[in-house]
Amino acid sequence: MTSPSGPQPQPDETTGSSAPTGEQLPQPGPNGDPTAGALIAIDAHFKMIFIVVVAFTAAFWLGYYGLIIFGSESETTKNAADTLKTAASSGVGSIFGLLGGAATGRGGA
């Protein structure tokens, strides 16, 4: 007997999955880790934020090295270079945080 929505897929004997035939499911990785073979889903919103953070970080590093190489020895230039270095270092930390959040599935979305 079939239900109104059509026949229900039966669990596969080898994997225990009820996925339709032909659909690839991630396989467990080494040591039985179920997440090792899983793909990371990245949406457009995350990509946009990631690109902006990388662009700002690169701009901060370029500004920092530009001031170090071509800047004067004034106190104002040293303070600006220090601020740019702090912002660039924070950007690197943000990049790793975004990647870690995406990899563990704990990113905001």
N, C-alpha and C. Protein backbone atom coordinates (compact mmCIF):
# COMPACT_ATOMS: atom_id res chain seq x y z
N MET A 1 0.84 -1.16 0.00
CA MET A 1 0.00 0.00 0.00
C MET A 1 0.89 1.24 0.00
N THR A 2 0.57 2.22 -0.82
CA THR A 2 1.35 3.45 -0.90
C THR A 2 0.60 4.57 -0.21
N SER A 3 1.36 5.52 0.32
CA SER A 3 0.76 6.67 0.98
C SER A 3 0.36 7.70 -0.08
N PRO A 4 -0.44 8.70 0.29
CA PRO A 4 -0.87 9.71 -0.68
C PRO A 4 0.29 10.46 -1.32
N SER A 5 1.41 10.57 -0.63
CA SER A 5 2.54 11.32 -1.19
C SER A 5 3.41 10.45 -2.07
N GLY A 6 3.07 9.19 -2.24
CA GLY A 6 3.85 8.31 -3.09
C GLY A 6 4.60 7.29 -2.27
N PRO A 7 5.33 6.42 -2.94
CA PRO A 7 6.06 5.39 -2.21
C PRO A 7 7.18 5.98 -1.37
N GLN A 8 7.37 5.44 -0.19
CA GLN A 8 8.41 5.90 0.71
C GLN A 8 9.69 5.13 0.45
N PRO A 9 10.86 5.81 0.45
CA PRO A 9 12.11 5.08 0.24
C PRO A 9 12.40 4.14 1.41
N GLN A 10 12.92 3.00 1.09
CA GLN A 10 13.27 2.01 2.10
C GLN A 10 14.72 2.21 2.53
N PRO A 11 15.05 1.94 3.79
CA PRO A 11 16.44 2.09 4.22
C PRO A 11 17.37 1.16 3.45
N ASP A 12 18.53 1.68 3.11
CA ASP A 12 19.55 0.90 2.43
C ASP A 12 20.15 -0.07 3.43
N GLU A 13 20.37 -1.30 3.00
CA GLU A 13 20.88 -2.31 3.91
C GLU A 13 22.33 -2.05 4.31
N THR A 14 23.11 -1.39 3.44
CA THR A 14 24.53 -1.21 3.74
C THR A 14 24.78 0.01 4.61
N THR A 15 24.05 1.10 4.40
CA THR A 15 24.31 2.32 5.16
C THR A 15 23.22 2.64 6.16
N GLY A 16 22.04 2.01 6.03
CA GLY A 16 20.94 2.33 6.93
C GLY A 16 20.25 3.62 6.55
N SER A 17 20.61 4.19 5.41
CA SER A 17 20.06 5.46 4.97
C SER A 17 18.80 5.23 4.15
N SER A 18 17.86 6.14 4.24
CA SER A 18 16.66 6.05 3.43
C SER A 18 16.71 7.06 2.30
N ALA A 19 17.91 7.47 1.88
CA ALA A 19 18.06 8.43 0.79
C ALA A 19 17.71 7.76 -0.53
N PRO A 20 17.14 8.52 -1.47
CA PRO A 20 16.83 7.95 -2.77
C PRO A 20 18.09 7.44 -3.45
N THR A 21 17.91 6.42 -4.30
CA THR A 21 19.03 5.84 -5.02
C THR A 21 19.69 6.89 -5.90
N GLY A 22 21.01 6.90 -5.94
CA GLY A 22 21.74 7.84 -6.77
C GLY A 22 22.20 9.08 -6.02
N GLU A 23 21.64 9.36 -4.86
CA GLU A 23 22.06 10.52 -4.09
C GLU A 23 23.26 10.14 -3.24
N GLN A 24 24.34 10.90 -3.38
CA GLN A 24 25.57 10.62 -2.64
C GLN A 24 25.49 11.24 -1.25
N LEU A 25 25.76 10.46 -0.26
CA LEU A 25 25.82 10.95 1.11
C LEU A 25 27.26 10.94 1.56
N PRO A 26 27.64 11.91 2.41
CA PRO A 26 29.01 11.90 2.92
C PRO A 26 29.28 10.61 3.70
N GLN A 27 30.43 10.03 3.48
CA GLN A 27 30.82 8.81 4.18
C GLN A 27 31.67 9.18 5.39
N PRO A 28 31.60 8.39 6.43
CA PRO A 28 32.43 8.66 7.60
C PRO A 28 33.90 8.64 7.23
N GLY A 29 34.68 9.48 7.88
CA GLY A 29 36.10 9.56 7.62
C GLY A 29 36.87 8.51 8.40
N PRO A 30 38.18 8.68 8.44
CA PRO A 30 38.99 7.73 9.18
C PRO A 30 38.61 7.73 10.66
N ASN A 31 38.76 6.62 11.29
CA ASN A 31 38.46 6.43 12.71
C ASN A 31 36.98 6.61 13.01
N GLY A 32 36.12 6.48 11.99
CA GLY A 32 34.68 6.55 12.21
C GLY A 32 34.13 7.93 12.48
N ASP A 33 34.91 9.00 12.23
CA ASP A 33 34.44 10.36 12.46
C ASP A 33 33.37 10.70 11.43
N PRO A 34 32.11 10.91 11.86
CA PRO A 34 31.04 11.15 10.88
C PRO A 34 31.14 12.50 10.19
N THR A 35 31.88 13.45 10.75
CA THR A 35 31.97 14.77 10.13
C THR A 35 33.18 14.92 9.22
N ALA A 36 34.07 13.95 9.19
CA ALA A 36 35.29 14.09 8.41
C ALA A 36 35.02 14.15 6.92
N GLY A 37 34.01 13.46 6.43
CA GLY A 37 33.73 13.47 5.00
C GLY A 37 32.67 14.48 4.62
N ALA A 38 32.13 15.22 5.57
CA ALA A 38 31.05 16.16 5.30
C ALA A 38 31.56 17.41 4.60
N LEU A 39 30.74 17.94 3.75
CA LEU A 39 31.06 19.19 3.07
C LEU A 39 30.57 20.36 3.91
N ILE A 40 31.28 21.48 3.80
CA ILE A 40 30.90 22.68 4.53
C ILE A 40 30.03 23.54 3.61
N ALA A 41 28.84 23.86 4.04
CA ALA A 41 27.94 24.69 3.26
C ALA A 41 28.22 26.16 3.57
N ILE A 42 28.56 26.92 2.55
CA ILE A 42 28.85 28.34 2.69
C ILE A 42 27.82 29.10 1.87
N ASP A 43 27.10 30.00 2.51
CA ASP A 43 26.10 30.78 1.77
C ASP A 43 26.68 32.10 1.29
N ALA A 44 25.93 32.83 0.49
CA ALA A 44 26.39 34.09 -0.10
C ALA A 44 26.66 35.15 0.96
N HIS A 45 25.89 35.17 2.03
CA HIS A 45 26.07 36.14 3.10
C HIS A 45 27.44 35.96 3.76
N PHE A 46 27.81 34.72 4.05
CA PHE A 46 29.12 34.44 4.64
C PHE A 46 30.23 34.85 3.68
N LYS A 47 30.09 34.53 2.41
CA LYS A 47 31.12 34.89 1.43
C LYS A 47 31.33 36.39 1.37
N MET A 48 30.23 37.15 1.40
CA MET A 48 30.34 38.60 1.34
C MET A 48 31.08 39.14 2.57
N ILE A 49 30.72 38.67 3.73
CA ILE A 49 31.39 39.11 4.96
C ILE A 49 32.86 38.72 4.94
N PHE A 50 33.15 37.49 4.53
CA PHE A 50 34.53 37.01 4.49
C PHE A 50 35.38 37.84 3.54
N ILE A 51 34.87 38.15 2.36
CA ILE A 51 35.62 38.95 1.39
C ILE A 51 35.88 40.35 1.92
N VAL A 52 34.89 40.95 2.57
CA VAL A 52 35.07 42.29 3.13
C VAL A 52 36.12 42.28 4.24
N VAL A 53 36.09 41.27 5.11
CA VAL A 53 37.08 41.19 6.19
C VAL A 53 38.48 41.00 5.61
N VAL A 54 38.62 40.14 4.60
CA VAL A 54 39.93 39.93 3.97
C VAL A 54 40.41 41.21 3.30
N ALA A 55 39.51 41.94 2.63
CA ALA A 55 39.89 43.18 1.95
C ALA A 55 40.36 44.24 2.95
N PHE A 56 39.61 44.40 4.04
CA PHE A 56 40.02 45.38 5.05
C PHE A 56 41.35 44.98 5.69
N THR A 57 41.52 43.70 5.96
CA THR A 57 42.76 43.23 6.56
C THR A 57 43.94 43.51 5.63
N ALA A 58 43.77 43.22 4.35
CA ALA A 58 44.85 43.49 3.39
C ALA A 58 45.13 44.99 3.30
N ALA A 59 44.07 45.81 3.32
CA ALA A 59 44.27 47.26 3.27
C ALA A 59 45.02 47.77 4.50
N PHE A 60 44.69 47.21 5.67
CA PHE A 60 45.39 47.62 6.89
C PHE A 60 46.87 47.24 6.83
N TRP A 61 47.16 46.02 6.36
CA TRP A 61 48.58 45.61 6.26
C TRP A 61 49.33 46.47 5.24
N LEU A 62 48.70 46.76 4.10
CA LEU A 62 49.35 47.61 3.10
C LEU A 62 49.60 49.01 3.65
N GLY A 63 48.62 49.55 4.37
CA GLY A 63 48.80 50.87 4.99
C GLY A 63 49.91 50.86 6.03
N TYR A 64 49.96 49.80 6.81
CA TYR A 64 51.00 49.69 7.84
C TYR A 64 52.39 49.66 7.20
N TYR A 65 52.57 48.76 6.22
CA TYR A 65 53.90 48.67 5.60
C TYR A 65 54.23 49.92 4.78
N GLY A 66 53.19 50.56 4.22
CA GLY A 66 53.42 51.82 3.51
C GLY A 66 53.94 52.90 4.44
N LEU A 67 53.36 53.00 5.63
CA LEU A 67 53.83 53.98 6.60
C LEU A 67 55.22 53.63 7.13
N ILE A 68 55.49 52.37 7.32
CA ILE A 68 56.81 51.96 7.81
C ILE A 68 57.89 52.29 6.78
N ILE A 69 57.59 52.02 5.51
CA ILE A 69 58.60 52.20 4.46
C ILE A 69 58.71 53.67 4.04
N PHE A 70 57.56 54.32 3.80
CA PHE A 70 57.58 55.67 3.22
C PHE A 70 57.24 56.78 4.20
N GLY A 71 56.85 56.45 5.41
CA GLY A 71 56.43 57.47 6.37
C GLY A 71 57.61 58.16 7.04
N SER A 72 57.31 59.28 7.64
CA SER A 72 58.34 60.04 8.36
C SER A 72 58.54 59.42 9.75
N GLU A 73 59.44 59.98 10.49
CA GLU A 73 59.75 59.49 11.83
C GLU A 73 58.96 60.23 12.91
N SER A 74 57.90 60.91 12.54
CA SER A 74 57.14 61.68 13.52
C SER A 74 56.34 60.75 14.44
N GLU A 75 55.93 61.30 15.57
CA GLU A 75 55.15 60.53 16.54
C GLU A 75 53.78 60.17 15.99
N THR A 76 53.20 61.07 15.19
CA THR A 76 51.89 60.82 14.59
C THR A 76 51.96 59.63 13.64
N THR A 77 53.01 59.56 12.84
CA THR A 77 53.17 58.45 11.90
C THR A 77 53.35 57.13 12.65
N LYS A 78 54.11 57.15 13.73
CA LYS A 78 54.32 55.94 14.53
C LYS A 78 53.01 55.47 15.16
N ASN A 79 52.22 56.41 15.66
CA ASN A 79 50.92 56.05 16.25
C ASN A 79 49.96 55.49 15.20
N ALA A 80 49.96 56.10 14.01
CA ALA A 80 49.10 55.60 12.93
C ALA A 80 49.53 54.20 12.49
N ALA A 81 50.84 53.97 12.40
CA ALA A 81 51.34 52.65 12.01
C ALA A 81 50.98 51.61 13.07
N ASP A 82 51.08 52.00 14.33
CA ASP A 82 50.73 51.07 15.41
C ASP A 82 49.24 50.72 15.37
N THR A 83 48.42 51.72 15.09
CA THR A 83 46.98 51.49 14.99
C THR A 83 46.66 50.57 13.82
N LEU A 84 47.31 50.79 12.67
CA LEU A 84 47.09 49.95 11.50
C LEU A 84 47.54 48.51 11.77
N LYS A 85 48.66 48.36 12.48
CA LYS A 85 49.14 47.02 12.80
C LYS A 85 48.16 46.29 13.71
N THR A 86 47.61 46.99 14.69
CA THR A 86 46.62 46.39 15.58
C THR A 86 45.37 45.98 14.81
N ALA A 87 44.89 46.84 13.92
CA ALA A 87 43.71 46.53 13.12
C ALA A 87 43.97 45.34 12.19
N ALA A 88 45.16 45.30 11.59
CA ALA A 88 45.49 44.20 10.68
C ALA A 88 45.60 42.88 11.44
N SER A 89 46.20 42.91 12.62
CA SER A 89 46.30 41.69 13.43
C SER A 89 44.91 41.21 13.88
N SER A 90 44.04 42.13 14.20
CA SER A 90 42.67 41.77 14.55
C SER A 90 41.94 41.18 13.35
N GLY A 91 42.24 41.70 12.17
CA GLY A 91 41.64 41.15 10.95
C GLY A 91 42.05 39.71 10.71
N VAL A 92 43.32 39.40 10.97
CA VAL A 92 43.78 38.02 10.81
C VAL A 92 43.04 37.11 11.80
N GLY A 93 42.88 37.57 13.02
CA GLY A 93 42.12 36.80 14.00
C GLY A 93 40.67 36.62 13.59
N SER A 94 40.09 37.64 12.99
CA SER A 94 38.71 37.55 12.51
C SER A 94 38.58 36.53 11.38
N ILE A 95 39.56 36.50 10.50
CA ILE A 95 39.54 35.53 9.39
C ILE A 95 39.57 34.11 9.95
N PHE A 96 40.47 33.85 10.90
CA PHE A 96 40.52 32.51 11.49
C PHE A 96 39.23 32.20 12.25
N GLY A 97 38.66 33.18 12.90
CA GLY A 97 37.39 32.97 13.60
C GLY A 97 36.26 32.64 12.65
N LEU A 98 36.18 33.35 11.53
CA LEU A 98 35.15 33.06 10.53
C LEU A 98 35.32 31.66 9.95
N LEU A 99 36.56 31.30 9.62
CA LEU A 99 36.82 29.97 9.05
C LEU A 99 36.51 28.88 10.07
N GLY A 100 36.90 29.10 11.32
CA GLY A 100 36.61 28.11 12.36
C GLY A 100 35.12 27.96 12.61
N GLY A 101 34.41 29.07 12.60
CA GLY A 101 32.97 29.01 12.78
C GLY A 101 32.28 28.30 11.64
N ALA A 102 32.75 28.52 10.42
CA ALA A 102 32.16 27.84 9.26
C ALA A 102 32.48 26.35 9.29
N ALA A 103 33.70 26.01 9.69
CA ALA A 103 34.11 24.60 9.69
C ALA A 103 33.38 23.79 10.76
N THR A 104 33.07 24.41 11.88
CA THR A 104 32.39 23.68 12.95
C THR A 104 30.87 23.81 12.87
N GLY A 105 30.39 24.64 11.97
CA GLY A 105 28.95 24.83 11.85
C GLY A 105 28.38 25.74 12.91
N ARG A 106 29.24 26.47 13.60
CA ARG A 106 28.77 27.36 14.66
C ARG A 106 28.77 28.81 14.22
N GLY A 107 28.95 29.06 12.94
CA GLY A 107 28.92 30.42 12.43
C GLY A 107 27.51 30.98 12.49
N GLY A 108 27.41 32.28 12.54
CA GLY A 108 26.09 32.89 12.61
C GLY A 108 25.35 32.76 11.30
N ALA A 109 24.19 32.20 11.30
CA ALA A 109 23.35 32.09 10.12
C ALA A 109 22.00 31.57 10.51
